[in-house]
């Protein structure tokens, strides 16, 4: 009788958005990783071992990353600031809220198209 598999399978999903406002570069990256143990014949069954999520927001060279790990119903979260002190986190979030407005009207699209030779 064949043995069941004990291989680890990782589902990895990444979504990245970028936006430039005047001379400010903004980016947002969402990452989700699920670590699964393949069980049964030919890995027909999967058991979730743990999950890792991260949300990274950047304004120019400053960034904030919130990471979480979920295992056995327990959630652990960490926040890491890069290029600034944790005291500047509120200011970063205010700046993010003021600038992160994805979308464009037709006038902005036409202007970008007509200025593409300048890039």
PDB file of N, CA and C in Angstrom:
ATOM      1  N   UNK A   1       0.842  -1.173   0.000  1.00  0.00           N
ATOM      2  CA  UNK A   1       0.000   0.000   0.000  1.00  0.00           C
ATOM      3  C   UNK A   1       0.894   1.246   0.000  1.00  0.00           C
ATOM      4  N   UNK A   2       0.634   2.227  -0.892  1.00  0.00           N
ATOM      5  CA  UNK A   2       1.488   3.419  -0.961  1.00  0.00           C
ATOM      6  C   UNK A   2       1.363   4.283   0.291  1.00  0.00           C
ATOM      7  N   UNK A   3       2.463   4.919   0.667  1.00  0.00           N
ATOM      8  CA  UNK A   3       2.471   5.822   1.818  1.00  0.00           C
ATOM      9  C   UNK A   3       1.846   7.162   1.420  1.00  0.00           C
ATOM     10  N   UNK A   4       1.271   7.841   2.401  1.00  0.00           N
ATOM     11  CA  UNK A   4       0.728   9.165   2.111  1.00  0.00           C
ATOM     12  C   UNK A   4       1.866  10.172   2.028  1.00  0.00           C
ATOM     13  N   UNK A   5       1.647  11.226   1.286  1.00  0.00           N
ATOM     14  CA  UNK A   5       2.650  12.249   1.070  1.00  0.00           C
ATOM     15  C   UNK A   5       2.795  13.137   2.302  1.00  0.00           C
ATOM     16  N   UNK A   6       3.994  13.640   2.543  1.00  0.00           N
ATOM     17  CA  UNK A   6       4.198  14.599   3.625  1.00  0.00           C
ATOM     18  C   UNK A   6       4.899  15.847   3.079  1.00  0.00           C
ATOM     19  N   UNK A   7       4.696  16.122   1.812  1.00  0.00           N
ATOM     20  CA  UNK A   7       5.301  17.288   1.192  1.00  0.00           C
ATOM     21  C   UNK A   7       4.599  18.559   1.654  1.00  0.00           C
ATOM     22  N   UNK A   8       5.357  19.650   1.701  1.00  0.00           N
ATOM     23  CA  UNK A   8       4.795  20.953   2.039  1.00  0.00           C
ATOM     24  C   UNK A   8       4.573  21.717   0.737  1.00  0.00           C
ATOM     25  N   UNK A   9       3.401  22.281   0.601  1.00  0.00           N
ATOM     26  CA  UNK A   9       3.016  23.039  -0.587  1.00  0.00           C
ATOM     27  C   UNK A   9       2.755  24.481  -0.148  1.00  0.00           C
ATOM     28  N   UNK A  10       3.277  25.446  -0.896  1.00  0.00           N
ATOM     29  CA  UNK A  10       3.099  26.856  -0.542  1.00  0.00           C
ATOM     30  C   UNK A  10       2.277  27.532  -1.629  1.00  0.00           C
ATOM     31  N   UNK A  11       1.150  28.107  -1.229  1.00  0.00           N
ATOM     32  CA  UNK A  11       0.374  28.957  -2.123  1.00  0.00           C
ATOM     33  C   UNK A  11       0.823  30.382  -1.856  1.00  0.00           C
ATOM     34  N   UNK A  12       1.265  31.082  -2.888  1.00  0.00           N
ATOM     35  CA  UNK A  12       1.835  32.412  -2.732  1.00  0.00           C
ATOM     36  C   UNK A  12       1.084  33.380  -3.646  1.00  0.00           C
ATOM     37  N   UNK A  13       0.458  34.392  -3.065  1.00  0.00           N
ATOM     38  CA  UNK A  13      -0.267  35.400  -3.829  1.00  0.00           C
ATOM     39  C   UNK A  13       0.303  36.779  -3.492  1.00  0.00           C
ATOM     40  N   UNK A  14       0.587  37.567  -4.517  1.00  0.00           N
ATOM     41  CA  UNK A  14       1.138  38.905  -4.325  1.00  0.00           C
ATOM     42  C   UNK A  14       0.375  39.882  -5.214  1.00  0.00           C
ATOM     43  N   UNK A  15      -0.023  40.996  -4.633  1.00  0.00           N
ATOM     44  CA  UNK A  15      -0.677  42.068  -5.382  1.00  0.00           C
ATOM     45  C   UNK A  15       0.111  43.343  -5.108  1.00  0.00           C
ATOM     46  N   UNK A  16       0.515  44.040  -6.176  1.00  0.00           N
ATOM     47  CA  UNK A  16       1.276  45.275  -6.027  1.00  0.00           C
ATOM     48  C   UNK A  16       0.588  46.395  -6.804  1.00  0.00           C
ATOM     49  N   UNK A  17       0.476  47.544  -6.170  1.00  0.00           N
ATOM     50  CA  UNK A  17      -0.064  48.739  -6.811  1.00  0.00           C
ATOM     51  C   UNK A  17       0.952  49.855  -6.641  1.00  0.00           C
ATOM     52  N   UNK A  18       1.122  50.663  -7.683  1.00  0.00           N
ATOM     53  CA  UNK A  18       2.038  51.809  -7.610  1.00  0.00           C
ATOM     54  C   UNK A  18       1.322  53.045  -8.119  1.00  0.00           C
ATOM     55  N   UNK A  19       1.696  54.186  -7.546  1.00  0.00           N
ATOM     56  CA  UNK A  19       1.078  55.452  -7.895  1.00  0.00           C
ATOM     57  C   UNK A  19       2.118  56.545  -7.734  1.00  0.00           C
ATOM     58  N   UNK A  20       2.135  57.494  -8.649  1.00  0.00           N
ATOM     59  CA  UNK A  20       3.040  58.646  -8.533  1.00  0.00           C
ATOM     60  C   UNK A  20       2.187  59.900  -8.480  1.00  0.00           C
ATOM     61  N   UNK A  21       2.388  60.688  -7.421  1.00  0.00           N
ATOM     62  CA  UNK A  21       1.681  61.945  -7.235  1.00  0.00           C
ATOM     63  C   UNK A  21       2.728  63.044  -7.176  1.00  0.00           C
ATOM     64  N   UNK A  22       2.730  63.893  -8.198  1.00  0.00           N
ATOM     65  CA  UNK A  22       3.732  64.943  -8.361  1.00  0.00           C
ATOM     66  C   UNK A  22       5.116  64.291  -8.267  1.00  0.00           C
ATOM     67  N   UNK A  23       5.901  64.565  -7.242  1.00  0.00           N
ATOM     68  CA  UNK A  23       7.236  63.967  -7.113  1.00  0.00           C
ATOM     69  C   UNK A  23       7.278  62.903  -6.023  1.00  0.00           C
ATOM     70  N   UNK A  24       6.144  62.312  -5.704  1.00  0.00           N
ATOM     71  CA  UNK A  24       6.069  61.338  -4.627  1.00  0.00           C
ATOM     72  C   UNK A  24       5.660  59.979  -5.186  1.00  0.00           C
ATOM     73  N   UNK A  25       6.474  58.966  -4.896  1.00  0.00           N
ATOM     74  CA  UNK A  25       6.168  57.594  -5.317  1.00  0.00           C
ATOM     75  C   UNK A  25       5.520  56.855  -4.161  1.00  0.00           C
ATOM     76  N   UNK A  26       4.369  56.256  -4.445  1.00  0.00           N
ATOM     77  CA  UNK A  26       3.660  55.453  -3.450  1.00  0.00           C
ATOM     78  C   UNK A  26       3.505  54.051  -3.992  1.00  0.00           C
ATOM     79  N   UNK A  27       3.588  53.075  -3.112  1.00  0.00           N
ATOM     80  CA  UNK A  27       3.342  51.692  -3.536  1.00  0.00           C
ATOM     81  C   UNK A  27       2.715  50.929  -2.375  1.00  0.00           C
ATOM     82  N   UNK A  28       1.941  49.949  -2.766  1.00  0.00           N
ATOM     83  CA  UNK A  28       1.272  49.096  -1.795  1.00  0.00           C
ATOM     84  C   UNK A  28       1.437  47.660  -2.274  1.00  0.00           C
ATOM     85  N   UNK A  29       1.872  46.791  -1.376  1.00  0.00           N
ATOM     86  CA  UNK A  29       2.099  45.388  -1.721  1.00  0.00           C
ATOM     87  C   UNK A  29       1.428  44.507  -0.672  1.00  0.00           C
ATOM     88  N   UNK A  30       0.539  43.650  -1.143  1.00  0.00           N
ATOM     89  CA  UNK A  30      -0.146  42.701  -0.270  1.00  0.00           C
ATOM     90  C   UNK A  30       0.356  41.307  -0.612  1.00  0.00           C
ATOM     91  N   UNK A  31       0.759  40.562   0.397  1.00  0.00           N
ATOM     92  CA  UNK A  31       1.279  39.214   0.195  1.00  0.00           C
ATOM     93  C   UNK A  31       0.530  38.243   1.099  1.00  0.00           C
ATOM     94  N   UNK A  32       0.162  37.107   0.543  1.00  0.00           N
ATOM     95  CA  UNK A  32      -0.481  36.044   1.312  1.00  0.00           C
ATOM     96  C   UNK A  32       0.214  34.740   0.968  1.00  0.00           C
ATOM     97  N   UNK A  33       0.705  34.047   1.986  1.00  0.00           N
ATOM     98  CA  UNK A  33       1.331  32.729   1.806  1.00  0.00           C
ATOM     99  C   UNK A  33       0.608  31.737   2.694  1.00  0.00           C
ATOM    100  N   UNK A  34       0.230  30.628   2.112  1.00  0.00           N
ATOM    101  CA  UNK A  34      -0.411  29.534   2.859  1.00  0.00           C
ATOM    102  C   UNK A  34       0.483  28.310   2.748  1.00  0.00           C
ATOM    103  N   UNK A  35       0.863  27.787   3.894  1.00  0.00           N
ATOM    104  CA  UNK A  35       1.726  26.610   3.949  1.00  0.00           C
ATOM    105  C   UNK A  35       0.848  25.400   4.232  1.00  0.00           C
ATOM    106  N   UNK A  36       0.820  24.484   3.282  1.00  0.00           N
ATOM    107  CA  UNK A  36      -0.063  23.326   3.355  1.00  0.00           C
ATOM    108  C   UNK A  36       0.741  22.041   3.352  1.00  0.00           C
ATOM    109  N   UNK A  37       0.284  21.073   4.115  1.00  0.00           N
ATOM    110  CA  UNK A  37       0.882  19.741   4.100  1.00  0.00           C
ATOM    111  C   UNK A  37       0.000  18.890   3.186  1.00  0.00           C
ATOM    112  N   UNK A  38       0.638  18.297   2.189  1.00  0.00           N
ATOM    113  CA  UNK A  38      -0.094  17.434   1.268  1.00  0.00           C
ATOM    114  C   UNK A  38      -0.207  16.057   1.891  1.00  0.00           C
ATOM    115  N   UNK A  39      -1.414  15.554   1.924  1.00  0.00           N
ATOM    116  CA  UNK A  39      -1.673  14.262   2.544  1.00  0.00           C
ATOM    117  C   UNK A  39      -2.459  13.399   1.562  1.00  0.00           C
ATOM    118  N   UNK A  40      -2.571  12.156   1.904  1.00  0.00           N
ATOM    119  CA  UNK A  40      -3.345  11.246   1.067  1.00  0.00           C
ATOM    120  C   UNK A  40      -2.556  10.811  -0.160  1.00  0.00           C
ATOM    121  N   UNK A  41      -3.191   9.997  -0.953  1.00  0.00           N
ATOM    122  CA  UNK A  41      -2.542   9.522  -2.170  1.00  0.00           C
ATOM    123  C   UNK A  41      -2.346  10.673  -3.134  1.00  0.00           C
ATOM    124  N   UNK A  42      -1.112  10.826  -3.594  1.00  0.00           N
ATOM    125  CA  UNK A  42      -0.751  11.868  -4.552  1.00  0.00           C
ATOM    126  C   UNK A  42      -1.128  13.271  -4.076  1.00  0.00           C
ATOM    127  N   UNK A  43      -1.121  13.501  -2.789  1.00  0.00           N
ATOM    128  CA  UNK A  43      -1.414  14.827  -2.240  1.00  0.00           C
ATOM    129  C   UNK A  43      -2.837  15.281  -2.470  1.00  0.00           C
ATOM    130  N   UNK A  44      -3.764  14.339  -2.508  1.00  0.00           N
ATOM    131  CA  UNK A  44      -5.157  14.665  -2.793  1.00  0.00           C
ATOM    132  C   UNK A  44      -5.826  15.453  -1.669  1.00  0.00           C
ATOM    133  N   UNK A  45      -5.281  15.393  -0.464  1.00  0.00           N
ATOM    134  CA  UNK A  45      -5.826  16.144   0.668  1.00  0.00           C
ATOM    135  C   UNK A  45      -4.778  17.158   1.120  1.00  0.00           C
ATOM    136  N   UNK A  46      -5.253  18.300   1.630  1.00  0.00           N
ATOM    137  CA  UNK A  46      -4.343  19.338   2.108  1.00  0.00           C
ATOM    138  C   UNK A  46      -4.727  19.740   3.521  1.00  0.00           C
ATOM    139  N   UNK A  47      -3.704  19.931   4.353  1.00  0.00           N
ATOM    140  CA  UNK A  47      -3.902  20.399   5.721  1.00  0.00           C
ATOM    141  C   UNK A  47      -3.179  21.730   5.873  1.00  0.00           C
ATOM    142  N   UNK A  48      -3.891  22.771   6.302  1.00  0.00           N
ATOM    143  CA  UNK A  48      -3.277  24.080   6.496  1.00  0.00           C
ATOM    144  C   UNK A  48      -2.396  24.046   7.741  1.00  0.00           C
ATOM    145  N   UNK A  49      -1.104  24.309   7.560  1.00  0.00           N
ATOM    146  CA  UNK A  49      -0.175  24.365   8.686  1.00  0.00           C
ATOM    147  C   UNK A  49      -0.171  25.751   9.313  1.00  0.00           C
ATOM    148  N   UNK A  50       0.030  26.774   8.476  1.00  0.00           N
ATOM    149  CA  UNK A  50      -0.039  28.156   8.936  1.00  0.00           C
ATOM    150  C   UNK A  50      -0.146  29.079   7.732  1.00  0.00           C
ATOM    151  N   UNK A  51      -0.454  30.347   8.027  1.00  0.00           N
ATOM    152  CA  UNK A  51      -0.627  31.347   6.981  1.00  0.00           C
ATOM    153  C   UNK A  51       0.144  32.599   7.378  1.00  0.00           C
ATOM    154  N   UNK A  52       0.797  33.238   6.401  1.00  0.00           N
ATOM    155  CA  UNK A  52       1.523  34.486   6.641  1.00  0.00           C
ATOM    156  C   UNK A  52       0.982  35.547   5.683  1.00  0.00           C
ATOM    157  N   UNK A  53       0.676  36.721   6.228  1.00  0.00           N
ATOM    158  CA  UNK A  53       0.195  37.840   5.432  1.00  0.00           C
ATOM    159  C   UNK A  53       1.066  39.048   5.719  1.00  0.00           C
ATOM    160  N   UNK A  54       1.303  39.857   4.698  1.00  0.00           N
ATOM    161  CA  UNK A  54       2.002  41.121   4.940  1.00  0.00           C
ATOM    162  C   UNK A  54       1.372  42.205   4.079  1.00  0.00           C
ATOM    163  N   UNK A  55       1.416  43.423   4.609  1.00  0.00           N
ATOM    164  CA  UNK A  55       0.881  44.597   3.942  1.00  0.00           C
ATOM    165  C   UNK A  55       1.963  45.666   4.041  1.00  0.00           C
ATOM    166  N   UNK A  56       2.578  45.986   2.908  1.00  0.00           N
ATOM    167  CA  UNK A  56       3.677  46.946   2.858  1.00  0.00           C
ATOM    168  C   UNK A  56       3.224  48.188   2.116  1.00  0.00           C
ATOM    169  N   UNK A  57       3.309  49.329   2.784  1.00  0.00           N
ATOM    170  CA  UNK A  57       3.008  50.614   2.151  1.00  0.00           C
ATOM    171  C   UNK A  57       4.275  51.447   2.155  1.00  0.00           C
ATOM    172  N   UNK A  58       4.581  52.072   1.004  1.00  0.00           N
ATOM    173  CA  UNK A  58       5.798  52.876   0.872  1.00  0.00           C
ATOM    174  C   UNK A  58       5.466  54.248   0.314  1.00  0.00           C
ATOM    175  N   UNK A  59       6.124  55.257   0.873  1.00  0.00           N
ATOM    176  CA  UNK A  59       6.106  56.613   0.339  1.00  0.00           C
ATOM    177  C   UNK A  59       7.562  56.999   0.148  1.00  0.00           C
ATOM    178  N   UNK A  60       7.970  57.135  -1.105  1.00  0.00           N
ATOM    179  CA  UNK A  60       9.373  57.355  -1.444  1.00  0.00           C
ATOM    180  C   UNK A  60      10.228  56.305  -0.735  1.00  0.00           C
ATOM    181  N   UNK A  61      11.109  56.680   0.158  1.00  0.00           N
ATOM    182  CA  UNK A  61      12.003  55.704   0.807  1.00  0.00           C
ATOM    183  C   UNK A  61      11.539  55.288   2.199  1.00  0.00           C
ATOM    184  N   UNK A  62      10.372  55.738   2.591  1.00  0.00           N
ATOM    185  CA  UNK A  62       9.823  55.363   3.898  1.00  0.00           C
ATOM    186  C   UNK A  62       8.769  54.281   3.691  1.00  0.00           C
ATOM    187  N   UNK A  63       8.700  53.353   4.619  1.00  0.00           N
ATOM    188  CA  UNK A  63       7.696  52.297   4.481  1.00  0.00           C
ATOM    189  C   UNK A  63       7.267  51.759   5.840  1.00  0.00           C
ATOM    190  N   UNK A  64       6.086  51.174   5.813  1.00  0.00           N
ATOM    191  CA  UNK A  64       5.535  50.502   6.983  1.00  0.00           C
ATOM    192  C   UNK A  64       5.065  49.133   6.523  1.00  0.00           C
ATOM    193  N   UNK A  65       5.503  48.104   7.236  1.00  0.00           N
ATOM    194  CA  UNK A  65       5.079  46.741   6.911  1.00  0.00           C
ATOM    195  C   UNK A  65       4.416  46.121   8.130  1.00  0.00           C
ATOM    196  N   UNK A  66       3.207  45.658   7.909  1.00  0.00           N
ATOM    197  CA  UNK A  66       2.483  44.939   8.955  1.00  0.00           C
ATOM    198  C   UNK A  66       2.441  43.479   8.529  1.00  0.00           C
ATOM    199  N   UNK A  67       2.979  42.617   9.361  1.00  0.00           N
ATOM    200  CA  UNK A  67       3.023  41.182   9.064  1.00  0.00           C
ATOM    201  C   UNK A  67       2.212  40.436  10.105  1.00  0.00           C
ATOM    202  N   UNK A  68       1.543  39.403   9.661  1.00  0.00           N
ATOM    203  CA  UNK A  68       0.803  38.571  10.602  1.00  0.00           C
ATOM    204  C   UNK A  68       1.016  37.110  10.254  1.00  0.00           C
ATOM    205  N   UNK A  69       0.996  36.301  11.292  1.00  0.00           N
ATOM    206  CA  UNK A  69       1.106  34.853  11.139  1.00  0.00           C
ATOM    207  C   UNK A  69      -0.056  34.230  11.900  1.00  0.00           C
ATOM    208  N   UNK A  70      -0.755  33.341  11.219  1.00  0.00           N
ATOM    209  CA  UNK A  70      -1.900  32.665  11.818  1.00  0.00           C
ATOM    210  C   UNK A  70      -1.598  31.174  11.841  1.00  0.00           C
ATOM    211  N   UNK A  71      -1.606  30.612  13.040  1.00  0.00           N
ATOM    212  CA  UNK A  71      -1.336  29.186  13.196  1.00  0.00           C
ATOM    213  C   UNK A  71      -2.167  28.659  14.362  1.00  0.00           C
ATOM    214  N   UNK A  72      -2.866  27.585  14.116  1.00  0.00           N
ATOM    215  CA  UNK A  72      -3.705  26.952  15.136  1.00  0.00           C
ATOM    216  C   UNK A  72      -4.671  27.951  15.792  1.00  0.00           C
ATOM    217  N   UNK A  73      -5.213  28.863  14.992  1.00  0.00           N
ATOM    218  CA  UNK A  73      -6.167  29.838  15.505  1.00  0.00           C
ATOM    219  C   UNK A  73      -5.540  31.009  16.240  1.00  0.00           C
ATOM    220  N   UNK A  74      -4.218  31.003  16.401  1.00  0.00           N
ATOM    221  CA  UNK A  74      -3.521  32.096  17.075  1.00  0.00           C
ATOM    222  C   UNK A  74      -2.952  33.051  16.035  1.00  0.00           C
ATOM    223  N   UNK A  75      -3.117  34.344  16.291  1.00  0.00           N
ATOM    224  CA  UNK A  75      -2.665  35.379  15.356  1.00  0.00           C
ATOM    225  C   UNK A  75      -1.585  36.222  16.033  1.00  0.00           C
ATOM    226  N   UNK A  76      -0.441  36.367  15.343  1.00  0.00           N
ATOM    227  CA  UNK A  76       0.657  37.194  15.824  1.00  0.00           C
ATOM    228  C   UNK A  76       0.896  38.285  14.793  1.00  0.00           C
ATOM    229  N   UNK A  77       0.950  39.543  15.246  1.00  0.00           N
ATOM    230  CA  UNK A  77       1.138  40.669  14.322  1.00  0.00           C
ATOM    231  C   UNK A  77       2.354  41.479  14.734  1.00  0.00           C
ATOM    232  N   UNK A  78       3.132  41.910  13.733  1.00  0.00           N
ATOM    233  CA  UNK A  78       4.273  42.783  13.974  1.00  0.00           C
ATOM    234  C   UNK A  78       4.213  43.950  12.996  1.00  0.00           C
ATOM    235  N   UNK A  79       4.697  45.099  13.435  1.00  0.00           N
ATOM    236  CA  UNK A  79       4.772  46.290  12.585  1.00  0.00           C
ATOM    237  C   UNK A  79       6.221  46.719  12.519  1.00  0.00           C
ATOM    238  N   UNK A  80       6.693  46.983  11.301  1.00  0.00           N
ATOM    239  CA  UNK A  80       8.078  47.416  11.109  1.00  0.00           C
ATOM    240  C   UNK A  80       8.089  48.697  10.295  1.00  0.00           C
ATOM    241  N   UNK A  81       8.761  49.724  10.815  1.00  0.00           N
ATOM    242  CA  UNK A  81       8.904  50.998  10.112  1.00  0.00           C
ATOM    243  C   UNK A  81      10.312  51.075   9.532  1.00  0.00           C
ATOM    244  N   UNK A  82      10.416  51.504   8.280  1.00  0.00           N
ATOM    245  CA  UNK A  82      11.715  51.654   7.623  1.00  0.00           C
ATOM    246  C   UNK A  82      11.867  53.092   7.141  1.00  0.00           C
ATOM    247  N   UNK A  83      12.997  53.709   7.444  1.00  0.00           N
ATOM    248  CA  UNK A  83      13.275  55.073   7.007  1.00  0.00           C
ATOM    249  C   UNK A  83      12.627  56.128   7.885  1.00  0.00           C
ATOM    250  N   UNK A  84      12.121  55.721   9.051  1.00  0.00           N
ATOM    251  CA  UNK A  84      11.491  56.664   9.982  1.00  0.00           C
ATOM    252  C   UNK A  84      11.378  56.012  11.346  1.00  0.00           C
ATOM    253  N   UNK A  85      11.083  56.823  12.345  1.00  0.00           N
ATOM    254  CA  UNK A  85      10.847  56.314  13.695  1.00  0.00           C
ATOM    255  C   UNK A  85       9.391  55.878  13.823  1.00  0.00           C
ATOM    256  N   UNK A  86       9.120  55.040  14.793  1.00  0.00           N
ATOM    257  CA  UNK A  86       7.731  54.648  15.052  1.00  0.00           C
ATOM    258  C   UNK A  86       6.888  55.853  15.452  1.00  0.00           C
ATOM    259  N   UNK A  87       7.536  56.889  16.000  1.00  0.00           N
ATOM    260  CA  UNK A  87       6.816  58.117  16.363  1.00  0.00           C
ATOM    261  C   UNK A  87       6.247  58.819  15.135  1.00  0.00           C
ATOM    262  N   UNK A  88       6.841  58.570  13.960  1.00  0.00           N
ATOM    263  CA  UNK A  88       6.396  59.209  12.718  1.00  0.00           C
ATOM    264  C   UNK A  88       5.296  58.416  12.021  1.00  0.00           C
ATOM    265  N   UNK A  89       4.855  57.320  12.622  1.00  0.00           N
ATOM    266  CA  UNK A  89       3.862  56.445  11.990  1.00  0.00           C
ATOM    267  C   UNK A  89       2.541  57.165  11.729  1.00  0.00           C
ATOM    268  N   UNK A  90       2.065  57.953  12.688  1.00  0.00           N
ATOM    269  CA  UNK A  90       0.809  58.691  12.489  1.00  0.00           C
ATOM    270  C   UNK A  90       0.929  59.683  11.328  1.00  0.00           C
ATOM    271  N   UNK A  91       2.067  60.372  11.248  1.00  0.00           N
ATOM    272  CA  UNK A  91       2.297  61.323  10.154  1.00  0.00           C
ATOM    273  C   UNK A  91       2.327  60.586   8.812  1.00  0.00           C
ATOM    274  N   UNK A  92       2.971  59.420   8.775  1.00  0.00           N
ATOM    275  CA  UNK A  92       3.028  58.604   7.560  1.00  0.00           C
ATOM    276  C   UNK A  92       1.613  58.219   7.126  1.00  0.00           C
ATOM    277  N   UNK A  93       0.796  57.758   8.078  1.00  0.00           N
ATOM    278  CA  UNK A  93      -0.570  57.343   7.755  1.00  0.00           C
ATOM    279  C   UNK A  93      -1.415  58.519   7.262  1.00  0.00           C
ATOM    280  N   UNK A  94      -1.216  59.710   7.826  1.00  0.00           N
ATOM    281  CA  UNK A  94      -1.931  60.901   7.356  1.00  0.00           C
ATOM    282  C   UNK A  94      -1.518  61.252   5.929  1.00  0.00           C
ATOM    283  N   UNK A  95      -0.214  61.198   5.669  1.00  0.00           N
ATOM    284  CA  UNK A  95       0.296  61.489   4.320  1.00  0.00           C
ATOM    285  C   UNK A  95      -0.229  60.458   3.326  1.00  0.00           C
ATOM    286  N   UNK A  96      -0.251  59.183   3.737  1.00  0.00           N
ATOM    287  CA  UNK A  96      -0.762  58.125   2.866  1.00  0.00           C
ATOM    288  C   UNK A  96      -2.223  58.391   2.501  1.00  0.00           C
ATOM    289  N   UNK A  97      -3.017  58.708   3.497  1.00  0.00           N
ATOM    290  CA  UNK A  97      -4.445  58.961   3.268  1.00  0.00           C
ATOM    291  C   UNK A  97      -4.673  60.155   2.351  1.00  0.00           C
ATOM    292  N   UNK A  98      -3.828  61.169   2.473  1.00  0.00           N
ATOM    293  CA  UNK A  98      -3.971  62.359   1.640  1.00  0.00           C
ATOM    294  C   UNK A  98      -3.563  62.107   0.192  1.00  0.00           C
ATOM    295  N   UNK A  99      -2.559  61.253  -0.029  1.00  0.00           N
ATOM    296  CA  UNK A  99      -2.019  61.053  -1.377  1.00  0.00           C
ATOM    297  C   UNK A  99      -2.558  59.825  -2.107  1.00  0.00           C
ATOM    298  N   UNK A 100      -2.897  58.766  -1.392  1.00  0.00           N
ATOM    299  CA  UNK A 100      -3.286  57.511  -2.039  1.00  0.00           C
ATOM    300  C   UNK A 100      -4.735  57.609  -2.510  1.00  0.00           C
ATOM    301  N   UNK A 101      -4.874  58.084  -3.729  1.00  0.00           N
ATOM    302  CA  UNK A 101      -6.189  58.226  -4.339  1.00  0.00           C
ATOM    303  C   UNK A 101      -6.088  57.700  -5.768  1.00  0.00           C
ATOM    304  N   UNK A 102      -6.021  56.366  -5.922  1.00  0.00           N
ATOM    305  CA  UNK A 102      -5.886  55.817  -7.271  1.00  0.00           C
ATOM    306  C   UNK A 102      -7.101  56.173  -8.121  1.00  0.00           C
ATOM    307  N   UNK A 103      -6.828  56.390  -9.372  1.00  0.00           N
ATOM    308  CA  UNK A 103      -7.886  56.759 -10.309  1.00  0.00           C
ATOM    309  C   UNK A 103      -7.452  57.995 -11.070  1.00  0.00           C
ATOM    310  N   UNK A 104      -8.054  58.197 -12.207  1.00  0.00           N
ATOM    311  CA  UNK A 104      -7.723  59.357 -13.030  1.00  0.00           C
ATOM    312  C   UNK A 104      -8.954  59.755 -13.822  1.00  0.00           C
ATOM    313  N   UNK A 105      -9.090  61.063 -14.034  1.00  0.00           N
ATOM    314  CA  UNK A 105     -10.181  61.514 -14.886  1.00  0.00           C
ATOM    315  C   UNK A 105      -9.673  61.580 -16.333  1.00  0.00           C
ATOM    316  N   UNK A 106     -10.557  61.810 -17.258  1.00  0.00           N
ATOM    317  CA  UNK A 106     -10.185  61.787 -18.680  1.00  0.00           C
ATOM    318  C   UNK A 106      -9.151  62.854 -19.013  1.00  0.00           C
ATOM    319  N   UNK A 107      -9.239  64.025 -18.386  1.00  0.00           N
ATOM    320  CA  UNK A 107      -8.264  65.098 -18.631  1.00  0.00           C
ATOM    321  C   UNK A 107      -6.854  64.650 -18.238  1.00  0.00           C
ATOM    322  N   UNK A 108      -6.732  63.976 -17.078  1.00  0.00           N
ATOM    323  CA  UNK A 108      -5.422  63.490 -16.633  1.00  0.00           C
ATOM    324  C   UNK A 108      -4.885  62.402 -17.555  1.00  0.00           C
ATOM    325  N   UNK A 109      -5.762  61.536 -18.029  1.00  0.00           N
ATOM    326  CA  UNK A 109      -5.344  60.475 -18.965  1.00  0.00           C
ATOM    327  C   UNK A 109      -4.855  61.086 -20.263  1.00  0.00           C
ATOM    328  N   UNK A 110      -5.605  62.032 -20.814  1.00  0.00           N
ATOM    329  CA  UNK A 110      -5.209  62.693 -22.071  1.00  0.00           C
ATOM    330  C   UNK A 110      -3.883  63.421 -21.919  1.00  0.00           C
ATOM    331  N   UNK A 111      -3.695  64.087 -20.752  1.00  0.00           N
ATOM    332  CA  UNK A 111      -2.447  64.787 -20.503  1.00  0.00           C
ATOM    333  C   UNK A 111      -1.270  63.829 -20.432  1.00  0.00           C
ATOM    334  N   UNK A 112      -1.454  62.690 -19.762  1.00  0.00           N
ATOM    335  CA  UNK A 112      -0.382  61.690 -19.658  1.00  0.00           C
ATOM    336  C   UNK A 112      -0.036  61.127 -21.026  1.00  0.00           C
ATOM    337  N   UNK A 113      -1.050  60.881 -21.849  1.00  0.00           N
ATOM    338  CA  UNK A 113      -0.811  60.344 -23.192  1.00  0.00           C
ATOM    339  C   UNK A 113      -0.076  61.361 -24.056  1.00  0.00           C
ATOM    340  N   UNK A 114      -0.467  62.625 -23.991  1.00  0.00           N
ATOM    341  CA  UNK A 114       0.177  63.643 -24.822  1.00  0.00           C
ATOM    342  C   UNK A 114       1.598  63.940 -24.353  1.00  0.00           C
ATOM    343  N   UNK A 115       1.908  63.685 -23.079  1.00  0.00           N
ATOM    344  CA  UNK A 115       3.237  63.925 -22.541  1.00  0.00           C
ATOM    345  C   UNK A 115       4.115  62.699 -22.489  1.00  0.00           C
ATOM    346  N   UNK A 116       3.674  61.586 -23.087  1.00  0.00           N
ATOM    347  CA  UNK A 116       4.440  60.332 -22.991  1.00  0.00           C
ATOM    348  C   UNK A 116       5.819  60.454 -23.637  1.00  0.00           C
ATOM    349  N   UNK A 117       5.985  61.354 -24.618  1.00  0.00           N
ATOM    350  CA  UNK A 117       7.293  61.525 -25.242  1.00  0.00           C
ATOM    351  C   UNK A 117       8.295  62.198 -24.305  1.00  0.00           C
ATOM    352  N   UNK A 118       7.788  62.850 -23.247  1.00  0.00           N
ATOM    353  CA  UNK A 118       8.668  63.510 -22.288  1.00  0.00           C
ATOM    354  C   UNK A 118       9.279  62.542 -21.299  1.00  0.00           C
ATOM    355  N   UNK A 119       8.740  61.327 -21.209  1.00  0.00           N
ATOM    356  CA  UNK A 119       9.237  60.352 -20.229  1.00  0.00           C
ATOM    357  C   UNK A 119      10.473  59.656 -20.692  1.00  0.00           C
TER     358      UNK A 119
END
